[in-house]
Amino acid sequence: MIRGLLQRVPLGVNQTALLARGSQLVAYRGSLKQVEALDVAVHVAQDWREIGQTLRVQFMRLPLSPLSLLIAVYPLRDDYRLVLVDSEDAPFEQLRKLSVQLLSVLEVAGIGRKPV
């Protein structure tokens, strides 16, 4: 069901959207290969310190790749996280707009943001 919901949101050429629970990749869609999306999910899980965070922005270099990524992480209910990925030089505004669309789609699916 989640994969179907991700299919409905338009992604840019270098963008990837993934839903993770801890270090487990639940669903993803976009420019990253599956192994790269898994690397992102693990990286985010290792560095995540939620305590009141509603958004985390960070950079990551993929293993064995010269590419550096811009990552936006949104905590969701039940320990899920929406992770949006783009190239490091992409304007953050593009990921923010994408997050608005995806967060509303996930809310309909019952995997919305944590109450503040």
PDB file of N, CA and C in Angstrom:
ATOM      1  N   MET A   1       0.819  -1.187   0.000  1.00  0.00           N
ATOM      2  CA  MET A   1       0.000   0.000   0.000  1.00  0.00           C
ATOM      3  C   MET A   1       0.872   1.264   0.000  1.00  0.00           C
ATOM      4  N   ILE A   2       1.916   1.272   0.848  1.00  0.00           N
ATOM      5  CA  ILE A   2       2.785   2.446   0.937  1.00  0.00           C
ATOM      6  C   ILE A   2       3.499   2.693  -0.379  1.00  0.00           C
ATOM      7  N   ARG A   3       3.967   1.639  -1.009  1.00  0.00           N
ATOM      8  CA  ARG A   3       4.651   1.793  -2.300  1.00  0.00           C
ATOM      9  C   ARG A   3       3.714   2.439  -3.324  1.00  0.00           C
ATOM     10  N   GLY A   4       2.448   2.026  -3.323  1.00  0.00           N
ATOM     11  CA  GLY A   4       1.453   2.614  -4.222  1.00  0.00           C
ATOM     12  C   GLY A   4       1.260   4.096  -3.952  1.00  0.00           C
ATOM     13  N   LEU A   5       1.265   4.467  -2.676  1.00  0.00           N
ATOM     14  CA  LEU A   5       1.126   5.879  -2.322  1.00  0.00           C
ATOM     15  C   LEU A   5       2.338   6.681  -2.784  1.00  0.00           C
ATOM     16  N   LEU A   6       3.528   6.095  -2.656  1.00  0.00           N
ATOM     17  CA  LEU A   6       4.734   6.793  -3.106  1.00  0.00           C
ATOM     18  C   LEU A   6       4.727   7.011  -4.619  1.00  0.00           C
ATOM     19  N   GLN A   7       4.085   6.115  -5.348  1.00  0.00           N
ATOM     20  CA  GLN A   7       4.027   6.230  -6.811  1.00  0.00           C
ATOM     21  C   GLN A   7       3.249   7.459  -7.262  1.00  0.00           C
ATOM     22  N   ARG A   8       2.376   7.957  -6.423  1.00  0.00           N
ATOM     23  CA  ARG A   8       1.493   9.071  -6.807  1.00  0.00           C
ATOM     24  C   ARG A   8       2.134  10.446  -6.675  1.00  0.00           C
ATOM     25  N   VAL A   9       3.264  10.516  -5.995  1.00  0.00           N
ATOM     26  CA  VAL A   9       3.901  11.806  -5.748  1.00  0.00           C
ATOM     27  C   VAL A   9       5.037  12.002  -6.752  1.00  0.00           C
ATOM     28  N   PRO A  10       5.024  13.127  -7.479  1.00  0.00           N
ATOM     29  CA  PRO A  10       6.083  13.363  -8.477  1.00  0.00           C
ATOM     30  C   PRO A  10       7.426  13.669  -7.822  1.00  0.00           C
ATOM     31  N   LEU A  11       8.439  12.937  -8.259  1.00  0.00           N
ATOM     32  CA  LEU A  11       9.797  13.136  -7.752  1.00  0.00           C
ATOM     33  C   LEU A  11      10.663  13.772  -8.824  1.00  0.00           C
ATOM     34  N   GLY A  12      11.620  14.565  -8.378  1.00  0.00           N
ATOM     35  CA  GLY A  12      12.600  15.120  -9.297  1.00  0.00           C
ATOM     36  C   GLY A  12      13.581  14.039  -9.724  1.00  0.00           C
ATOM     37  N   VAL A  13      14.384  14.343 -10.712  1.00  0.00           N
ATOM     38  CA  VAL A  13      15.321  13.386 -11.299  1.00  0.00           C
ATOM     39  C   VAL A  13      16.282  12.780 -10.273  1.00  0.00           C
ATOM     40  N   ASN A  14      16.767  13.564  -9.329  1.00  0.00           N
ATOM     41  CA  ASN A  14      17.743  13.085  -8.348  1.00  0.00           C
ATOM     42  C   ASN A  14      17.126  12.760  -6.989  1.00  0.00           C
ATOM     43  N   GLN A  15      15.822  12.823  -6.890  1.00  0.00           N
ATOM     44  CA  GLN A  15      15.169  12.638  -5.595  1.00  0.00           C
ATOM     45  C   GLN A  15      14.784  11.186  -5.330  1.00  0.00           C
ATOM     46  N   THR A  16      14.771  10.852  -4.053  1.00  0.00           N
ATOM     47  CA  THR A  16      14.276   9.559  -3.589  1.00  0.00           C
ATOM     48  C   THR A  16      13.481   9.809  -2.319  1.00  0.00           C
ATOM     49  N   ALA A  17      12.362   9.111  -2.197  1.00  0.00           N
ATOM     50  CA  ALA A  17      11.567   9.138  -0.970  1.00  0.00           C
ATOM     51  C   ALA A  17      11.586   7.736  -0.401  1.00  0.00           C
ATOM     52  N   LEU A  18      11.848   7.638   0.894  1.00  0.00           N
ATOM     53  CA  LEU A  18      11.795   6.316   1.501  1.00  0.00           C
ATOM     54  C   LEU A  18      11.105   6.383   2.849  1.00  0.00           C
ATOM     55  N   LEU A  19      10.472   5.281   3.172  1.00  0.00           N
ATOM     56  CA  LEU A  19       9.838   5.115   4.467  1.00  0.00           C
ATOM     57  C   LEU A  19      10.636   4.053   5.198  1.00  0.00           C
ATOM     58  N   ALA A  20      11.110   4.405   6.385  1.00  0.00           N
ATOM     59  CA  ALA A  20      11.927   3.478   7.172  1.00  0.00           C
ATOM     60  C   ALA A  20      11.322   3.342   8.559  1.00  0.00           C
ATOM     61  N   ARG A  21      11.588   2.204   9.146  1.00  0.00           N
ATOM     62  CA  ARG A  21      11.235   1.971  10.552  1.00  0.00           C
ATOM     63  C   ARG A  21      12.510   1.470  11.211  1.00  0.00           C
ATOM     64  N   GLY A  22      13.130   2.343  12.001  1.00  0.00           N
ATOM     65  CA  GLY A  22      14.462   2.037  12.491  1.00  0.00           C
ATOM     66  C   GLY A  22      15.401   1.991  11.299  1.00  0.00           C
ATOM     67  N   SER A  23      16.210   0.948  11.234  1.00  0.00           N
ATOM     68  CA  SER A  23      17.122   0.818  10.088  1.00  0.00           C
ATOM     69  C   SER A  23      16.519  -0.017   8.965  1.00  0.00           C
ATOM     70  N   GLN A  24      15.260  -0.420   9.128  1.00  0.00           N
ATOM     71  CA  GLN A  24      14.586  -1.244   8.124  1.00  0.00           C
ATOM     72  C   GLN A  24      13.935  -0.360   7.058  1.00  0.00           C
ATOM     73  N   LEU A  25      14.226  -0.646   5.816  1.00  0.00           N
ATOM     74  CA  LEU A  25      13.619   0.048   4.690  1.00  0.00           C
ATOM     75  C   LEU A  25      12.260  -0.587   4.416  1.00  0.00           C
ATOM     76  N   VAL A  26      11.180   0.172   4.577  1.00  0.00           N
ATOM     77  CA  VAL A  26       9.825  -0.339   4.373  1.00  0.00           C
ATOM     78  C   VAL A  26       9.427  -0.200   2.904  1.00  0.00           C
ATOM     79  N   ALA A  27       9.658   0.961   2.338  1.00  0.00           N
ATOM     80  CA  ALA A  27       9.338   1.216   0.932  1.00  0.00           C
ATOM     81  C   ALA A  27      10.179   2.394   0.458  1.00  0.00           C
ATOM     82  N   TYR A  28      10.457   2.410  -0.837  1.00  0.00           N
ATOM     83  CA  TYR A  28      11.180   3.555  -1.391  1.00  0.00           C
ATOM     84  C   TYR A  28      10.845   3.692  -2.866  1.00  0.00           C
ATOM     85  N   ARG A  29      11.118   4.874  -3.367  1.00  0.00           N
ATOM     86  CA  ARG A  29      10.951   5.154  -4.792  1.00  0.00           C
ATOM     87  C   ARG A  29      11.867   6.312  -5.138  1.00  0.00           C
ATOM     88  N   GLY A  30      12.537   6.218  -6.276  1.00  0.00           N
ATOM     89  CA  GLY A  30      13.349   7.334  -6.715  1.00  0.00           C
ATOM     90  C   GLY A  30      14.634   6.923  -7.392  1.00  0.00           C
ATOM     91  N   SER A  31      15.589   7.828  -7.376  1.00  0.00           N
ATOM     92  CA  SER A  31      16.813   7.661  -8.151  1.00  0.00           C
ATOM     93  C   SER A  31      17.837   6.721  -7.508  1.00  0.00           C
ATOM     94  N   LEU A  32      17.752   6.500  -6.206  1.00  0.00           N
ATOM     95  CA  LEU A  32      18.716   5.610  -5.557  1.00  0.00           C
ATOM     96  C   LEU A  32      18.415   4.149  -5.870  1.00  0.00           C
ATOM     97  N   LYS A  33      19.484   3.353  -5.913  1.00  0.00           N
ATOM     98  CA  LYS A  33      19.319   1.901  -6.018  1.00  0.00           C
ATOM     99  C   LYS A  33      18.880   1.394  -4.647  1.00  0.00           C
ATOM    100  N   GLN A  34      18.329   0.179  -4.603  1.00  0.00           N
ATOM    101  CA  GLN A  34      17.834  -0.355  -3.341  1.00  0.00           C
ATOM    102  C   GLN A  34      18.931  -0.409  -2.274  1.00  0.00           C
ATOM    103  N   VAL A  35      20.117  -0.849  -2.640  1.00  0.00           N
ATOM    104  CA  VAL A  35      21.206  -0.930  -1.670  1.00  0.00           C
ATOM    105  C   VAL A  35      21.578   0.457  -1.141  1.00  0.00           C
ATOM    106  N   GLU A  36      21.491   1.472  -1.982  1.00  0.00           N
ATOM    107  CA  GLU A  36      21.776   2.839  -1.547  1.00  0.00           C
ATOM    108  C   GLU A  36      20.692   3.343  -0.598  1.00  0.00           C
ATOM    109  N   ALA A  37      19.436   3.034  -0.923  1.00  0.00           N
ATOM    110  CA  ALA A  37      18.335   3.412  -0.036  1.00  0.00           C
ATOM    111  C   ALA A  37      18.482   2.730   1.321  1.00  0.00           C
ATOM    112  N   LEU A  38      18.919   1.474   1.320  1.00  0.00           N
ATOM    113  CA  LEU A  38      19.182   0.767   2.576  1.00  0.00           C
ATOM    114  C   LEU A  38      20.301   1.449   3.361  1.00  0.00           C
ATOM    115  N   ASP A  39      21.360   1.867   2.670  1.00  0.00           N
ATOM    116  CA  ASP A  39      22.459   2.587   3.327  1.00  0.00           C
ATOM    117  C   ASP A  39      21.953   3.869   3.989  1.00  0.00           C
ATOM    118  N   VAL A  40      21.070   4.585   3.307  1.00  0.00           N
ATOM    119  CA  VAL A  40      20.506   5.816   3.866  1.00  0.00           C
ATOM    120  C   VAL A  40      19.679   5.499   5.112  1.00  0.00           C
ATOM    121  N   ALA A  41      18.835   4.474   5.044  1.00  0.00           N
ATOM    122  CA  ALA A  41      17.996   4.099   6.190  1.00  0.00           C
ATOM    123  C   ALA A  41      18.855   3.743   7.404  1.00  0.00           C
ATOM    124  N   VAL A  42      19.913   2.990   7.184  1.00  0.00           N
ATOM    125  CA  VAL A  42      20.813   2.606   8.280  1.00  0.00           C
ATOM    126  C   VAL A  42      21.534   3.839   8.835  1.00  0.00           C
ATOM    127  N   HIS A  43      22.027   4.688   7.954  1.00  0.00           N
ATOM    128  CA  HIS A  43      22.726   5.909   8.374  1.00  0.00           C
ATOM    129  C   HIS A  43      21.809   6.781   9.239  1.00  0.00           C
ATOM    130  N   VAL A  44      20.593   6.986   8.798  1.00  0.00           N
ATOM    131  CA  VAL A  44      19.647   7.821   9.541  1.00  0.00           C
ATOM    132  C   VAL A  44      19.343   7.185  10.900  1.00  0.00           C
ATOM    133  N   ALA A  45      19.130   5.880  10.938  1.00  0.00           N
ATOM    134  CA  ALA A  45      18.816   5.191  12.199  1.00  0.00           C
ATOM    135  C   ALA A  45      19.966   5.297  13.194  1.00  0.00           C
ATOM    136  N   GLN A  46      21.196   5.207  12.711  1.00  0.00           N
ATOM    137  CA  GLN A  46      22.362   5.276  13.599  1.00  0.00           C
ATOM    138  C   GLN A  46      22.550   6.668  14.202  1.00  0.00           C
ATOM    139  N   ASP A  47      22.221   7.693  13.431  1.00  0.00           N
ATOM    140  CA  ASP A  47      22.438   9.070  13.873  1.00  0.00           C
ATOM    141  C   ASP A  47      21.214   9.721  14.505  1.00  0.00           C
ATOM    142  N   TRP A  48      20.091   9.036  14.510  1.00  0.00           N
ATOM    143  CA  TRP A  48      18.847   9.667  14.941  1.00  0.00           C
ATOM    144  C   TRP A  48      18.776   9.791  16.451  1.00  0.00           C
ATOM    145  N   ARG A  49      18.544  10.986  16.921  1.00  0.00           N
ATOM    146  CA  ARG A  49      18.284  11.269  18.326  1.00  0.00           C
ATOM    147  C   ARG A  49      17.033  12.133  18.342  1.00  0.00           C
ATOM    148  N   GLU A  50      15.907  11.494  18.456  1.00  0.00           N
ATOM    149  CA  GLU A  50      14.632  12.160  18.214  1.00  0.00           C
ATOM    150  C   GLU A  50      14.329  13.286  19.186  1.00  0.00           C
ATOM    151  N   ILE A  51      14.288  13.044  20.434  1.00  0.00           N
ATOM    152  CA  ILE A  51      13.981  13.992  21.489  1.00  0.00           C
ATOM    153  C   ILE A  51      13.467  15.342  20.969  1.00  0.00           C
ATOM    154  N   GLY A  52      12.230  15.357  20.575  1.00  0.00           N
ATOM    155  CA  GLY A  52      11.563  16.588  20.177  1.00  0.00           C
ATOM    156  C   GLY A  52      11.822  17.075  18.768  1.00  0.00           C
ATOM    157  N   GLN A  53      12.610  16.379  17.996  1.00  0.00           N
ATOM    158  CA  GLN A  53      12.871  16.825  16.630  1.00  0.00           C
ATOM    159  C   GLN A  53      11.636  16.611  15.756  1.00  0.00           C
ATOM    160  N   THR A  54      11.333  17.583  14.940  1.00  0.00           N
ATOM    161  CA  THR A  54      10.254  17.440  13.960  1.00  0.00           C
ATOM    162  C   THR A  54      10.805  17.348  12.542  1.00  0.00           C
ATOM    163  N   LEU A  55      12.073  17.678  12.410  1.00  0.00           N
ATOM    164  CA  LEU A  55      12.754  17.621  11.113  1.00  0.00           C
ATOM    165  C   LEU A  55      14.245  17.597  11.384  1.00  0.00           C
ATOM    166  N   ARG A  56      14.935  16.797  10.600  1.00  0.00           N
ATOM    167  CA  ARG A  56      16.401  16.802  10.670  1.00  0.00           C
ATOM    168  C   ARG A  56      16.928  16.880   9.245  1.00  0.00           C
ATOM    169  N   VAL A  57      17.869  17.770   9.030  1.00  0.00           N
ATOM    170  CA  VAL A  57      18.511  17.919   7.726  1.00  0.00           C
ATOM    171  C   VAL A  57      19.975  17.562   7.913  1.00  0.00           C
ATOM    172  N   GLN A  58      20.489  16.717   7.028  1.00  0.00           N
ATOM    173  CA  GLN A  58      21.882  16.329   7.119  1.00  0.00           C
ATOM    174  C   GLN A  58      22.426  15.977   5.733  1.00  0.00           C
ATOM    175  N   PHE A  59      23.723  15.778   5.677  1.00  0.00           N
ATOM    176  CA  PHE A  59      24.369  15.348   4.448  1.00  0.00           C
ATOM    177  C   PHE A  59      24.973  13.978   4.679  1.00  0.00           C
ATOM    178  N   MET A  60      25.084  13.222   3.609  1.00  0.00           N
ATOM    179  CA  MET A  60      25.644  11.877   3.698  1.00  0.00           C
ATOM    180  C   MET A  60      26.373  11.560   2.398  1.00  0.00           C
ATOM    181  N   ARG A  61      27.499  10.901   2.522  1.00  0.00           N
ATOM    182  CA  ARG A  61      28.205  10.404   1.343  1.00  0.00           C
ATOM    183  C   ARG A  61      27.942   8.909   1.282  1.00  0.00           C
ATOM    184  N   LEU A  62      27.493   8.441   0.131  1.00  0.00           N
ATOM    185  CA  LEU A  62      27.237   7.017  -0.053  1.00  0.00           C
ATOM    186  C   LEU A  62      28.550   6.233  -0.074  1.00  0.00           C
ATOM    187  N   PRO A  63      28.565   5.045   0.521  1.00  0.00           N
ATOM    188  CA  PRO A  63      29.774   4.218   0.457  1.00  0.00           C
ATOM    189  C   PRO A  63      30.148   3.916  -0.998  1.00  0.00           C
ATOM    190  N   LEU A  64      31.423   3.942  -1.268  1.00  0.00           N
ATOM    191  CA  LEU A  64      31.956   3.633  -2.603  1.00  0.00           C
ATOM    192  C   LEU A  64      31.397   4.539  -3.697  1.00  0.00           C
ATOM    193  N   SER A  65      31.044   5.763  -3.330  1.00  0.00           N
ATOM    194  CA  SER A  65      30.492   6.689  -4.313  1.00  0.00           C
ATOM    195  C   SER A  65      31.017   8.094  -4.024  1.00  0.00           C
ATOM    196  N   PRO A  66      31.270   8.858  -5.075  1.00  0.00           N
ATOM    197  CA  PRO A  66      31.694  10.238  -4.854  1.00  0.00           C
ATOM    198  C   PRO A  66      30.498  11.152  -4.546  1.00  0.00           C
ATOM    199  N   LEU A  67      29.289  10.613  -4.640  1.00  0.00           N
ATOM    200  CA  LEU A  67      28.091  11.420  -4.448  1.00  0.00           C
ATOM    201  C   LEU A  67      27.847  11.747  -2.984  1.00  0.00           C
ATOM    202  N   SER A  68      27.485  12.981  -2.735  1.00  0.00           N
ATOM    203  CA  SER A  68      27.049  13.398  -1.408  1.00  0.00           C
ATOM    204  C   SER A  68      25.580  13.774  -1.531  1.00  0.00           C
ATOM    205  N   LEU A  69      24.813  13.429  -0.508  1.00  0.00           N
ATOM    206  CA  LEU A  69      23.363  13.597  -0.570  1.00  0.00           C
ATOM    207  C   LEU A  69      22.867  14.568   0.490  1.00  0.00           C
ATOM    208  N   LEU A  70      21.818  15.289   0.142  1.00  0.00           N
ATOM    209  CA  LEU A  70      21.063  16.105   1.080  1.00  0.00           C
ATOM    210  C   LEU A  70      19.911  15.241   1.564  1.00  0.00           C
ATOM    211  N   ILE A  71      19.754  15.113   2.895  1.00  0.00           N
ATOM    212  CA  ILE A  71      18.739  14.234   3.462  1.00  0.00           C
ATOM    213  C   ILE A  71      17.864  15.031   4.429  1.00  0.00           C
ATOM    214  N   ALA A  72      16.555  14.890   4.282  1.00  0.00           N
ATOM    215  CA  ALA A  72      15.594  15.472   5.220  1.00  0.00           C
ATOM    216  C   ALA A  72      14.826  14.323   5.858  1.00  0.00           C
ATOM    217  N   VAL A  73      14.774  14.310   7.186  1.00  0.00           N
ATOM    218  CA  VAL A  73      14.145  13.210   7.921  1.00  0.00           C
ATOM    219  C   VAL A  73      12.992  13.764   8.755  1.00  0.00           C
ATOM    220  N   TYR A  74      11.833  13.139   8.615  1.00  0.00           N
ATOM    221  CA  TYR A  74      10.642  13.517   9.362  1.00  0.00           C
ATOM    222  C   TYR A  74      10.189  12.329  10.209  1.00  0.00           C
ATOM    223  N   PRO A  75      10.136  12.476  11.542  1.00  0.00           N
ATOM    224  CA  PRO A  75       9.654  11.377  12.378  1.00  0.00           C
ATOM    225  C   PRO A  75       8.134  11.228  12.239  1.00  0.00           C
ATOM    226  N   LEU A  76       7.696   9.979  12.168  1.00  0.00           N
ATOM    227  CA  LEU A  76       6.278   9.678  12.047  1.00  0.00           C
ATOM    228  C   LEU A  76       5.841   8.814  13.229  1.00  0.00           C
ATOM    229  N   ARG A  77       4.573   8.508  13.287  1.00  0.00           N
ATOM    230  CA  ARG A  77       4.059   7.639  14.351  1.00  0.00           C
ATOM    231  C   ARG A  77       4.657   6.246  14.254  1.00  0.00           C
ATOM    232  N   ASP A  78       4.628   5.535  15.379  1.00  0.00           N
ATOM    233  CA  ASP A  78       5.046   4.133  15.456  1.00  0.00           C
ATOM    234  C   ASP A  78       6.488   3.901  14.986  1.00  0.00           C
ATOM    235  N   ASP A  79       7.356   4.846  15.257  1.00  0.00           N
ATOM    236  CA  ASP A  79       8.782   4.741  14.929  1.00  0.00           C
ATOM    237  C   ASP A  79       9.099   4.721  13.434  1.00  0.00           C
ATOM    238  N   TYR A  80       8.173   5.142  12.601  1.00  0.00           N
ATOM    239  CA  TYR A  80       8.450   5.284  11.173  1.00  0.00           C
ATOM    240  C   TYR A  80       9.131   6.625  10.947  1.00  0.00           C
ATOM    241  N   ARG A  81       9.874   6.720   9.846  1.00  0.00           N
ATOM    242  CA  ARG A  81      10.482   7.977   9.417  1.00  0.00           C
ATOM    243  C   ARG A  81      10.319   8.133   7.914  1.00  0.00           C
ATOM    244  N   LEU A  82       9.949   9.317   7.508  1.00  0.00           N
ATOM    245  CA  LEU A  82       9.955   9.666   6.098  1.00  0.00           C
ATOM    246  C   LEU A  82      11.311  10.297   5.836  1.00  0.00           C
ATOM    247  N   VAL A  83      12.034   9.753   4.861  1.00  0.00           N
ATOM    248  CA  VAL A  83      13.366  10.252   4.526  1.00  0.00           C
ATOM    249  C   VAL A  83      13.343  10.684   3.064  1.00  0.00           C
ATOM    250  N   LEU A  84      13.679  11.933   2.831  1.00  0.00           N
ATOM    251  CA  LEU A  84      13.734  12.470   1.474  1.00  0.00           C
ATOM    252  C   LEU A  84      15.182  12.771   1.130  1.00  0.00           C
ATOM    253  N   VAL A  85      15.564  12.383  -0.066  1.00  0.00           N
ATOM    254  CA  VAL A  85      16.962  12.477  -0.489  1.00  0.00           C
ATOM    255  C   VAL A  85      17.045  13.220  -1.817  1.00  0.00           C
ATOM    256  N   ASP A  86      18.048  14.070  -1.927  1.00  0.00           N
ATOM    257  CA  ASP A  86      18.311  14.784  -3.179  1.00  0.00           C
ATOM    258  C   ASP A  86      19.819  14.994  -3.268  1.00  0.00           C
ATOM    259  N   SER A  87      20.284  15.530  -4.380  1.00  0.00           N
ATOM    260  CA  SER A  87      21.711  15.813  -4.514  1.00  0.00           C
ATOM    261  C   SER A  87      22.080  16.939  -3.550  1.00  0.00           C
ATOM    262  N   GLU A  88      23.337  16.952  -3.115  1.00  0.00           N
ATOM    263  CA  GLU A  88      23.766  17.879  -2.069  1.00  0.00           C
ATOM    264  C   GLU A  88      23.590  19.347  -2.440  1.00  0.00           C
ATOM    265  N   ASP A  89      23.602  19.671  -3.723  1.00  0.00           N
ATOM    266  CA  ASP A  89      23.490  21.066  -4.132  1.00  0.00           C
ATOM    267  C   ASP A  89      22.067  21.479  -4.498  1.00  0.00           C
ATOM    268  N   ALA A  90      21.103  20.589  -4.277  1.00  0.00           N
ATOM    269  CA  ALA A  90      19.698  20.902  -4.580  1.00  0.00           C
ATOM    270  C   ALA A  90      19.156  21.907  -3.564  1.00  0.00           C
ATOM    271  N   PRO A  91      18.279  22.796  -4.009  1.00  0.00           N
ATOM    272  CA  PRO A  91      17.658  23.724  -3.056  1.00  0.00           C
ATOM    273  C   PRO A  91      16.777  22.948  -2.068  1.00  0.00           C
ATOM    274  N   PHE A  92      16.896  23.261  -0.784  1.00  0.00           N
ATOM    275  CA  PHE A  92      16.103  22.557   0.214  1.00  0.00           C
ATOM    276  C   PHE A  92      14.608  22.755  -0.007  1.00  0.00           C
ATOM    277  N   GLU A  93      14.235  23.862  -0.592  1.00  0.00           N
ATOM    278  CA  GLU A  93      12.817  24.161  -0.832  1.00  0.00           C
ATOM    279  C   GLU A  93      12.130  23.048  -1.634  1.00  0.00           C
ATOM    280  N   GLN A  94      12.856  22.416  -2.555  1.00  0.00           N
ATOM    281  CA  GLN A  94      12.272  21.310  -3.332  1.00  0.00           C
ATOM    282  C   GLN A  94      11.904  20.141  -2.424  1.00  0.00           C
ATOM    283  N   LEU A  95      12.782  19.789  -1.495  1.00  0.00           N
ATOM    284  CA  LEU A  95      12.475  18.703  -0.559  1.00  0.00           C
ATOM    285  C   LEU A  95      11.354  19.097   0.388  1.00  0.00           C
ATOM    286  N   ARG A  96      11.302  20.335   0.789  1.00  0.00           N
ATOM    287  CA  ARG A  96      10.233  20.791   1.677  1.00  0.00           C
ATOM    288  C   ARG A  96       8.872  20.667   1.002  1.00  0.00           C
ATOM    289  N   LYS A  97       8.780  21.075  -0.262  1.00  0.00           N
ATOM    290  CA  LYS A  97       7.517  20.950  -1.002  1.00  0.00           C
ATOM    291  C   LYS A  97       7.128  19.484  -1.164  1.00  0.00           C
ATOM    292  N   LEU A  98       8.108  18.655  -1.466  1.00  0.00           N
ATOM    293  CA  LEU A  98       7.850  17.218  -1.596  1.00  0.00           C
ATOM    294  C   LEU A  98       7.371  16.643  -0.265  1.00  0.00           C
ATOM    295  N   SER A  99       7.950  17.099   0.827  1.00  0.00           N
ATOM    296  CA  SER A  99       7.552  16.583   2.142  1.00  0.00           C
ATOM    297  C   SER A  99       6.092  16.912   2.448  1.00  0.00           C
ATOM    298  N   VAL A 100       5.642  18.092   2.068  1.00  0.00           N
ATOM    299  CA  VAL A 100       4.248  18.471   2.308  1.00  0.00           C
ATOM    300  C   VAL A 100       3.319  17.491   1.598  1.00  0.00           C
ATOM    301  N   GLN A 101       3.634  17.165   0.359  1.00  0.00           N
ATOM    302  CA  GLN A 101       2.811  16.217  -0.400  1.00  0.00           C
ATOM    303  C   GLN A 101       2.841  14.827   0.227  1.00  0.00           C
ATOM    304  N   LEU A 102       4.028  14.330   0.519  1.00  0.00           N
ATOM    305  CA  LEU A 102       4.158  12.975   1.043  1.00  0.00           C
ATOM    306  C   LEU A 102       3.589  12.841   2.447  1.00  0.00           C
ATOM    307  N   LEU A 103       3.778  13.829   3.278  1.00  0.00           N
ATOM    308  CA  LEU A 103       3.241  13.752   4.638  1.00  0.00           C
ATOM    309  C   LEU A 103       1.716  13.712   4.625  1.00  0.00           C
ATOM    310  N   SER A 104       1.096  14.444   3.701  1.00  0.00           N
ATOM    311  CA  SER A 104      -0.370  14.390   3.625  1.00  0.00           C
ATOM    312  C   SER A 104      -0.842  13.039   3.100  1.00  0.00           C
ATOM    313  N   VAL A 105      -0.112  12.450   2.157  1.00  0.00           N
ATOM    314  CA  VAL A 105      -0.457  11.129   1.641  1.00  0.00           C
ATOM    315  C   VAL A 105      -0.298  10.072   2.737  1.00  0.00           C
ATOM    316  N   LEU A 106       0.772  10.139   3.499  1.00  0.00           N
ATOM    317  CA  LEU A 106       1.010   9.182   4.566  1.00  0.00           C
ATOM    318  C   LEU A 106      -0.004   9.339   5.704  1.00  0.00           C
ATOM    319  N   GLU A 107      -0.446  10.560   5.939  1.00  0.00           N
ATOM    320  CA  GLU A 107      -1.467  10.803   6.969  1.00  0.00           C
ATOM    321  C   GLU A 107      -2.747  10.053   6.620  1.00  0.00           C
ATOM    322  N   VAL A 108      -3.120  10.071   5.361  1.00  0.00           N
ATOM    323  CA  VAL A 108      -4.308   9.342   4.908  1.00  0.00           C
ATOM    324  C   VAL A 108      -4.135   7.847   5.155  1.00  0.00           C
ATOM    325  N   ALA A 109      -2.913   7.355   5.029  1.00  0.00           N
ATOM    326  CA  ALA A 109      -2.626   5.929   5.235  1.00  0.00           C
ATOM    327  C   ALA A 109      -2.487   5.579   6.716  1.00  0.00           C
ATOM    328  N   GLY A 110      -2.596   6.571   7.592  1.00  0.00           N
ATOM    329  CA  GLY A 110      -2.492   6.303   9.015  1.00  0.00           C
ATOM    330  C   GLY A 110      -1.080   6.330   9.563  1.00  0.00           C
ATOM    331  N   ILE A 111      -0.134   6.785   8.752  1.00  0.00           N
ATOM    332  CA  ILE A 111       1.262   6.873   9.197  1.00  0.00           C
ATOM    333  C   ILE A 111       1.667   8.339   9.167  1.00  0.00           C
ATOM    334  N   GLY A 112       0.968   9.134   9.952  1.00  0.00           N
ATOM    335  CA  GLY A 112       1.229  10.559   9.949  1.00  0.00           C
ATOM    336  C   GLY A 112       2.317  10.959  10.924  1.00  0.00           C
ATOM    337  N   ARG A 113       2.470  12.247  11.062  1.00  0.00           N
ATOM    338  CA  ARG A 113       3.494  12.799  11.957  1.00  0.00           C
ATOM    339  C   ARG A 113       3.123  12.559  13.404  1.00  0.00           C
ATOM    340  N   LYS A 114       4.141  12.506  14.217  1.00  0.00           N
ATOM    341  CA  LYS A 114       3.928  12.375  15.654  1.00  0.00           C
ATOM    342  C   LYS A 114       3.264  13.630  16.173  1.00  0.00           C
ATOM    343  N   PRO A 115       2.336  13.484  17.119  1.00  0.00           N
ATOM    344  CA  PRO A 115       1.771  14.681  17.741  1.00  0.00           C
ATOM    345  C   PRO A 115       2.863  15.435  18.506  1.00  0.00           C
ATOM    346  N   VAL A 116       2.826  16.737  18.439  1.00  0.00           N
ATOM    347  CA  VAL A 116       3.854  17.552  19.111  1.00  0.00           C
ATOM    348  C   VAL A 116       3.487  17.772  20.548  1.00  0.00           C
TER     349      VAL A 116
END
